[in-house]
Structures are given as structure tokens and as C-alpha cells.
N, C-alpha and C. Protein backbone atom coordinates (compact mmCIF):
# COMPACT_ATOMS: atom_id res chain seq x y z
N MET A 1 -107.67 88.44 36.25
CA MET A 1 -108.81 87.57 35.96
C MET A 1 -108.35 86.38 35.12
N TYR A 2 -107.61 86.67 34.06
CA TYR A 2 -107.15 85.60 33.17
C TYR A 2 -106.20 84.65 33.90
N MET A 3 -105.27 85.23 34.65
CA MET A 3 -104.29 84.42 35.37
C MET A 3 -104.98 83.58 36.44
N LYS A 4 -106.01 84.15 37.07
CA LYS A 4 -106.74 83.43 38.09
C LYS A 4 -107.43 82.21 37.48
N LYS A 5 -108.03 82.43 36.32
CA LYS A 5 -108.72 81.34 35.63
C LYS A 5 -107.73 80.26 35.21
N LYS A 6 -106.57 80.70 34.73
CA LYS A 6 -105.54 79.76 34.27
C LYS A 6 -105.03 78.91 35.44
N SER A 7 -104.78 79.55 36.58
CA SER A 7 -104.28 78.82 37.74
C SER A 7 -105.33 77.82 38.24
N LYS A 8 -106.60 78.19 38.09
CA LYS A 8 -107.68 77.31 38.51
C LYS A 8 -107.70 76.07 37.62
N ILE A 9 -107.50 76.28 36.33
CA ILE A 9 -107.45 75.18 35.38
C ILE A 9 -106.26 74.28 35.67
N MET A 10 -105.10 74.88 35.92
CA MET A 10 -103.89 74.11 36.21
C MET A 10 -104.08 73.29 37.49
N ALA A 11 -104.74 73.88 38.48
CA ALA A 11 -105.00 73.17 39.73
C ALA A 11 -105.92 71.98 39.48
N HIS A 12 -106.89 72.18 38.61
CA HIS A 12 -107.83 71.11 38.26
C HIS A 12 -107.10 69.98 37.55
N ILE A 13 -106.19 70.34 36.65
CA ILE A 13 -105.40 69.34 35.92
C ILE A 13 -104.52 68.56 36.89
N ARG A 14 -103.89 69.29 37.81
CA ARG A 14 -103.00 68.65 38.77
C ARG A 14 -103.79 67.69 39.66
N ARG A 15 -105.03 68.07 39.98
CA ARG A 15 -105.87 67.27 40.86
C ARG A 15 -106.32 65.98 40.16
N THR A 16 -106.68 66.10 38.89
CA THR A 16 -107.20 64.95 38.17
C THR A 16 -106.10 64.05 37.63
N ARG A 17 -104.89 64.61 37.46
CA ARG A 17 -103.80 63.86 36.85
C ARG A 17 -103.36 62.68 37.71
N HIS A 18 -103.28 62.88 39.01
CA HIS A 18 -102.80 61.79 39.88
C HIS A 18 -103.86 60.69 40.02
N ILE A 19 -105.10 61.00 39.65
CA ILE A 19 -106.17 59.99 39.69
C ILE A 19 -106.04 59.04 38.50
N MET A 20 -105.62 59.59 37.38
CA MET A 20 -105.48 58.79 36.17
C MET A 20 -104.34 57.79 36.28
N MET A 21 -104.41 56.76 35.45
CA MET A 21 -103.34 55.77 35.40
C MET A 21 -102.10 56.38 34.74
N PRO A 22 -100.89 55.90 35.09
CA PRO A 22 -99.64 56.46 34.55
C PRO A 22 -99.64 56.53 33.02
N SER A 23 -100.14 55.51 32.35
CA SER A 23 -100.15 55.50 30.89
C SER A 23 -101.06 56.59 30.35
N HIS A 24 -102.18 56.76 30.99
CA HIS A 24 -103.12 57.80 30.59
C HIS A 24 -102.54 59.18 30.89
N ARG A 25 -101.80 59.27 32.00
CA ARG A 25 -101.21 60.54 32.40
C ARG A 25 -100.17 60.99 31.37
N ASP A 26 -99.36 60.04 30.89
CA ASP A 26 -98.34 60.37 29.89
C ASP A 26 -99.01 60.88 28.62
N TYR A 27 -100.08 60.22 28.21
CA TYR A 27 -100.80 60.63 27.01
C TYR A 27 -101.43 62.00 27.21
N PHE A 28 -101.97 62.22 28.41
CA PHE A 28 -102.60 63.50 28.72
C PHE A 28 -101.58 64.63 28.71
N ASP A 29 -100.43 64.37 29.31
CA ASP A 29 -99.35 65.37 29.32
C ASP A 29 -98.94 65.74 27.90
N TYR A 30 -98.81 64.73 27.06
CA TYR A 30 -98.39 64.95 25.68
C TYR A 30 -99.44 65.73 24.91
N SER A 31 -100.70 65.34 25.05
CA SER A 31 -101.78 66.02 24.32
C SER A 31 -101.95 67.44 24.82
N PHE A 32 -101.80 67.63 26.14
CA PHE A 32 -101.93 68.97 26.71
C PHE A 32 -100.77 69.86 26.27
N PHE A 33 -99.59 69.27 26.19
CA PHE A 33 -98.41 70.01 25.77
C PHE A 33 -98.55 70.48 24.32
N THR A 34 -98.99 69.60 23.45
CA THR A 34 -99.16 69.97 22.04
C THR A 34 -100.30 70.97 21.89
N GLN A 35 -101.31 70.83 22.73
CA GLN A 35 -102.45 71.74 22.69
C GLN A 35 -102.01 73.15 23.08
N SER A 36 -101.22 73.26 24.14
CA SER A 36 -100.78 74.57 24.63
C SER A 36 -99.79 75.21 23.66
N THR A 37 -98.97 74.41 22.99
CA THR A 37 -97.98 74.97 22.07
C THR A 37 -98.64 75.42 20.77
N SER A 38 -99.75 74.79 20.40
CA SER A 38 -100.43 75.17 19.16
C SER A 38 -101.06 76.54 19.29
N HIS A 39 -101.34 76.96 20.52
CA HIS A 39 -101.94 78.28 20.75
C HIS A 39 -100.93 79.41 20.59
N LEU A 40 -99.65 79.08 20.73
CA LEU A 40 -98.62 80.12 20.63
C LEU A 40 -98.44 80.61 19.20
């Protein structure tokens, strides 16, 4: 269940990421990376 939800979120991120502008994408990647590492 958890993995399914996570993969769904990742798919959503992948889908929306290519829509964003490159500069926004870099910022999003960085913010998402720091967000995911803070949970560890």
C-alpha cells in the first residue's frame, strides 16, 4: 500500500516536472531532495 502510494506520487512528479521550466525544475529537484532527506 505504502509503496503503491509512493510510486503514484513519483509518477505524478515525473509527469509535472517536464511541464515546468528548466529553472523551476532545478529548484523543484533541489527542494524535493532536501525534503526527502529531512525525513530520514
